[in-house]
Amino acid sequence: MDELDQRIERLEKLAKEGSRVNSSASNITVNAGGIGVWICCTFCALCLMASLFTLWIVTDIRQNDRDQGNQLNAIYMMAPHLKPEKTK
């Protein structure tokens, strides 16, 4: 029994010493900087500009389609004989 008590005391002593020296706190450091961040930001800006340009092109094409439809309607009003006949 004395041997068991000595081992327990020794383990408790080691545990106390270990808690003073070694803490369980961990630090994670992320260094985000340099050329990698610049490359990512540049490509992000390029993607944003490309999407805005595509949106502008699509809306411009839709507007041109509407304008052509209006022009055709104006032509057919002035010259109804040019309007193609609807086939069933």
C-alpha atoms as a PDB file:
ATOM      1  CA  MET A   1       0.000   0.000   0.000  1.00  0.00           C
ATOM      2  CA  ASP A   2       2.852   2.344   0.779  1.00  0.00           C
ATOM      3  CA  GLU A   3       4.253   1.694  -2.677  1.00  0.00           C
ATOM      4  CA  LEU A   4       0.933   2.692  -4.252  1.00  0.00           C
ATOM      5  CA  ASP A   5       0.788   5.896  -2.182  1.00  0.00           C
ATOM      6  CA  GLN A   6       4.341   6.779  -3.257  1.00  0.00           C
ATOM      7  CA  ARG A   7       3.458   6.294  -6.924  1.00  0.00           C
ATOM      8  CA  ILE A   8       0.340   8.434  -6.570  1.00  0.00           C
ATOM      9  CA  GLU A   9       2.331  11.189  -4.851  1.00  0.00           C
ATOM     10  CA  ARG A  10       5.001  11.000  -7.551  1.00  0.00           C
ATOM     11  CA  LEU A  11       2.356  11.213 -10.313  1.00  0.00           C
ATOM     12  CA  GLU A  12       0.665  14.169  -8.611  1.00  0.00           C
ATOM     13  CA  LYS A  13       4.036  15.894  -8.280  1.00  0.00           C
ATOM     14  CA  LEU A  14       4.795  15.314 -11.965  1.00  0.00           C
ATOM     15  CA  ALA A  15       1.364  16.574 -12.926  1.00  0.00           C
ATOM     16  CA  LYS A  16       1.861  19.794 -10.913  1.00  0.00           C
ATOM     17  CA  GLU A  17       5.316  20.390 -12.374  1.00  0.00           C
ATOM     18  CA  GLY A  18       4.081  19.669 -15.862  1.00  0.00           C
ATOM     19  CA  SER A  19       1.210  22.116 -15.537  1.00  0.00           C
ATOM     20  CA  ARG A  20       3.635  24.880 -14.598  1.00  0.00           C
ATOM     21  CA  VAL A  21       5.983  24.240 -17.480  1.00  0.00           C
ATOM     22  CA  ASN A  22       3.696  23.092 -20.258  1.00  0.00           C
ATOM     23  CA  SER A  23       0.421  24.836 -20.877  1.00  0.00           C
ATOM     24  CA  SER A  24      -2.252  23.472 -23.160  1.00  0.00           C
ATOM     25  CA  ALA A  25      -2.815  26.810 -24.894  1.00  0.00           C
ATOM     26  CA  SER A  26      -2.014  26.710 -28.573  1.00  0.00           C
ATOM     27  CA  ASN A  27      -1.407  29.612 -30.864  1.00  0.00           C
ATOM     28  CA  ILE A  28      -2.193  29.494 -34.561  1.00  0.00           C
ATOM     29  CA  THR A  29      -0.731  32.288 -36.625  1.00  0.00           C
ATOM     30  CA  VAL A  30      -1.701  32.909 -40.211  1.00  0.00           C
ATOM     31  CA  ASN A  31       0.502  35.314 -42.107  1.00  0.00           C
ATOM     32  CA  ALA A  32      -1.592  36.482 -45.030  1.00  0.00           C
ATOM     33  CA  GLY A  33       0.412  38.968 -46.939  1.00  0.00           C
ATOM     34  CA  GLY A  34       2.715  39.468 -49.797  1.00  0.00           C
ATOM     35  CA  ILE A  35       2.228  38.628 -53.405  1.00  0.00           C
ATOM     36  CA  GLY A  36      -0.410  35.916 -52.839  1.00  0.00           C
ATOM     37  CA  VAL A  37      -2.909  38.404 -51.451  1.00  0.00           C
ATOM     38  CA  TRP A  38      -2.247  40.819 -54.300  1.00  0.00           C
ATOM     39  CA  ILE A  39      -2.774  38.073 -56.881  1.00  0.00           C
ATOM     40  CA  CYS A  40      -6.055  37.002 -55.252  1.00  0.00           C
ATOM     41  CA  CYS A  41      -7.322  40.581 -55.021  1.00  0.00           C
ATOM     42  CA  THR A  42      -6.369  41.261 -58.636  1.00  0.00           C
ATOM     43  CA  PHE A  43      -8.186  38.189 -59.930  1.00  0.00           C
ATOM     44  CA  CYS A  44     -11.203  39.011 -57.776  1.00  0.00           C
ATOM     45  CA  ALA A  45     -11.321  42.507 -59.270  1.00  0.00           C
ATOM     46  CA  LEU A  46     -10.963  41.061 -62.776  1.00  0.00           C
ATOM     47  CA  CYS A  47     -13.851  38.650 -62.166  1.00  0.00           C
ATOM     48  CA  LEU A  48     -16.019  41.496 -60.896  1.00  0.00           C
ATOM     49  CA  MET A  49     -15.210  43.632 -63.939  1.00  0.00           C
ATOM     50  CA  ALA A  50     -15.890  40.713 -66.301  1.00  0.00           C
ATOM     51  CA  SER A  51     -19.280  40.058 -64.709  1.00  0.00           C
ATOM     52  CA  LEU A  52     -20.239  43.736 -64.907  1.00  0.00           C
ATOM     53  CA  PHE A  53     -19.125  43.874 -68.558  1.00  0.00           C
ATOM     54  CA  THR A  54     -21.167  40.756 -69.353  1.00  0.00           C
ATOM     55  CA  LEU A  55     -24.212  42.257 -67.644  1.00  0.00           C
ATOM     56  CA  TRP A  56     -23.807  45.445 -69.682  1.00  0.00           C
ATOM     57  CA  ILE A  57     -23.508  43.472 -72.951  1.00  0.00           C
ATOM     58  CA  VAL A  58     -26.617  41.389 -72.190  1.00  0.00           C
ATOM     59  CA  THR A  59     -28.726  44.433 -71.360  1.00  0.00           C
ATOM     60  CA  ASP A  60     -27.466  46.200 -74.481  1.00  0.00           C
ATOM     61  CA  ILE A  61     -28.411  43.216 -76.666  1.00  0.00           C
ATOM     62  CA  ARG A  62     -31.898  43.124 -75.123  1.00  0.00           C
ATOM     63  CA  GLN A  63     -32.322  46.850 -75.777  1.00  0.00           C
ATOM     64  CA  ASN A  64     -31.235  46.368 -79.404  1.00  0.00           C
ATOM     65  CA  ASP A  65     -33.792  43.576 -79.815  1.00  0.00           C
ATOM     66  CA  ARG A  66     -36.536  45.836 -78.469  1.00  0.00           C
ATOM     67  CA  ASP A  67     -35.450  48.651 -80.771  1.00  0.00           C
ATOM     68  CA  GLN A  68     -35.486  46.365 -83.813  1.00  0.00           C
ATOM     69  CA  GLY A  69     -38.952  45.143 -82.872  1.00  0.00           C
ATOM     70  CA  ASN A  70     -40.152  48.733 -82.635  1.00  0.00           C
ATOM     71  CA  GLN A  71     -38.589  49.559 -86.006  1.00  0.00           C
ATOM     72  CA  LEU A  72     -40.263  46.576 -87.639  1.00  0.00           C
ATOM     73  CA  ASN A  73     -43.616  47.582 -86.162  1.00  0.00           C
ATOM     74  CA  ALA A  74     -43.169  51.107 -87.525  1.00  0.00           C
ATOM     75  CA  ILE A  75     -42.296  49.753 -90.991  1.00  0.00           C
ATOM     76  CA  TYR A  76     -45.289  47.388 -91.006  1.00  0.00           C
ATOM     77  CA  MET A  77     -47.570  50.267 -90.005  1.00  0.00           C
ATOM     78  CA  MET A  78     -46.351  52.331 -92.955  1.00  0.00           C
ATOM     79  CA  ALA A  79     -46.282  49.415 -95.407  1.00  0.00           C
ATOM     80  CA  PRO A  80     -48.548  46.582 -94.205  1.00  0.00           C
ATOM     81  CA  HIS A  81     -47.999  44.634 -97.429  1.00  0.00           C
ATOM     82  CA  LEU A  82     -44.389  43.923 -96.304  1.00  0.00           C
ATOM     83  CA  LYS A  83     -45.557  42.065 -93.202  1.00  0.00           C
ATOM     84  CA  PRO A  84     -45.245  38.311 -93.662  1.00  0.00           C
ATOM     85  CA  GLU A  85     -48.473  36.385 -93.497  1.00  0.00           C
ATOM     86  CA  LYS A  86     -48.983  34.140 -90.526  1.00  0.00           C
ATOM     87  CA  THR A  87     -49.179  30.462 -91.446  1.00  0.00           C
ATOM     88  CA  LYS A  88     -51.174  27.992 -89.385  1.00  0.00           C
END
